[in-house]
Amino acid sequence: MEGIGEILPRVVRRMGVQRQVRLARAQAAFSESCGEYLRAHVRVVAVEGSVLVVACAHPAIAHQLQMESVALLEAVNRAAGPPLLRRMRFVSEA
């Protein structure tokens, strides 16, 4: 008997919702990884190929996240799974 871990990926693929599931996983992992203070000022808005697109309320926050991008991407990649995200792009929240 197959477990949910084997069945779910096939179901997601058949339903055609891989992108939405990947985005939801990336959003949850990023939110958890960026910390409580930053969480209120940022949000993942898209996954575009290998790029995680993050909206920031202020350029200083984007700068802080850029400095921490390696660790953040590692955490998101662990949760979102392949294909790997390789960089972050920041956009204005306004």
Protein backbone atom coordinates (compact mmCIF):
# COMPACT_ATOMS: atom_id res chain seq x y z
CA MET A 1 0.00 0.00 0.00
CA GLU A 2 1.30 3.43 -0.93
CA GLY A 3 1.57 6.18 1.62
CA ILE A 4 0.39 9.75 1.24
CA GLY A 5 3.96 10.81 0.46
CA GLU A 6 3.90 8.77 -2.74
CA ILE A 7 0.32 9.54 -3.73
CA LEU A 8 0.14 13.29 -3.12
CA PRO A 9 2.76 14.36 -5.68
CA ARG A 10 0.92 12.44 -8.42
CA VAL A 11 -2.42 13.96 -7.44
CA VAL A 12 -0.95 17.47 -7.40
CA ARG A 13 0.60 16.91 -10.83
CA ARG A 14 -2.66 15.54 -12.29
CA MET A 15 -4.60 18.49 -10.91
CA GLY A 16 -2.10 20.91 -12.45
CA VAL A 17 -1.50 22.82 -9.23
CA GLN A 18 2.24 22.26 -8.81
CA ARG A 19 3.01 25.99 -9.08
CA GLN A 20 0.40 26.92 -6.47
CA VAL A 21 1.59 24.24 -4.06
CA ARG A 22 5.23 25.28 -4.55
CA LEU A 23 4.32 28.94 -3.94
CA ALA A 24 2.40 28.05 -0.76
CA ARG A 25 5.32 25.99 0.54
CA ALA A 26 7.77 28.79 -0.26
CA GLN A 27 5.54 31.37 1.45
CA ALA A 28 5.23 29.29 4.61
CA ALA A 29 8.95 28.46 4.79
CA PHE A 30 10.01 32.05 4.11
CA SER A 31 7.61 33.41 6.71
CA GLU A 32 8.92 31.00 9.31
CA SER A 33 12.56 31.66 8.43
CA CYS A 34 12.59 35.45 8.25
CA GLY A 35 11.60 35.98 11.88
CA GLU A 36 8.71 37.57 13.67
CA TYR A 37 9.68 41.22 13.21
CA LEU A 38 10.35 40.99 9.47
CA ARG A 39 7.32 38.80 8.86
CA ALA A 40 5.04 41.81 9.30
CA HIS A 41 6.90 43.77 6.62
CA VAL A 42 7.51 41.22 3.86
CA ARG A 43 5.68 38.60 1.84
CA VAL A 44 6.50 36.16 -0.92
CA VAL A 45 4.55 37.20 -4.01
CA ALA A 46 5.83 34.74 -6.61
CA VAL A 47 8.18 31.98 -7.56
CA GLU A 48 9.49 32.70 -11.05
CA GLY A 49 11.62 29.81 -12.20
CA SER A 50 14.55 29.76 -9.79
CA VAL A 51 13.78 33.20 -8.31
CA LEU A 52 11.86 33.87 -5.11
CA VAL A 53 10.11 37.25 -5.46
CA VAL A 54 9.61 39.04 -2.15
CA ALA A 55 7.68 42.27 -1.56
CA CYS A 56 9.18 44.51 1.12
CA ALA A 57 7.67 47.48 2.90
CA HIS A 58 11.00 49.36 2.97
CA PRO A 59 14.32 49.24 1.07
CA ALA A 60 16.22 48.74 4.34
CA ILE A 61 14.31 45.51 4.91
CA ALA A 62 15.15 44.33 1.41
CA HIS A 63 18.80 45.06 2.11
CA GLN A 64 18.70 43.07 5.35
CA LEU A 65 17.06 40.13 3.61
CA GLN A 66 19.59 40.28 0.79
CA MET A 67 22.38 39.89 3.34
CA GLU A 68 20.57 36.85 4.78
CA SER A 69 19.47 35.45 1.41
CA VAL A 70 21.70 32.34 1.44
CA ALA A 71 20.25 31.07 4.72
CA LEU A 72 16.71 32.04 3.75
CA LEU A 73 16.94 30.28 0.39
CA GLU A 74 18.31 27.15 2.04
CA ALA A 75 15.32 27.05 4.40
CA VAL A 76 12.82 27.69 1.61
CA ASN A 77 14.44 25.07 -0.62
CA ARG A 78 14.20 22.45 2.13
CA ALA A 79 10.45 23.07 2.36
CA ALA A 80 9.56 23.80 -1.27
CA GLY A 81 11.65 21.01 -2.78
CA PRO A 82 13.09 20.81 -6.28
CA PRO A 83 13.72 22.61 -8.51
CA LEU A 84 15.93 24.75 -6.30
CA LEU A 85 15.46 28.46 -5.85
CA ARG A 86 18.78 30.17 -6.56
CA ARG A 87 18.18 33.83 -5.81
CA MET A 88 15.77 36.38 -4.35
CA ARG A 89 14.37 39.44 -6.07
CA PHE A 90 12.85 42.24 -4.05
CA VAL A 91 9.97 44.48 -5.08
CA SER A 92 8.29 47.38 -3.36
CA GLU A 93 5.20 46.63 -1.32
CA ALA A 94 3.70 50.03 -2.15
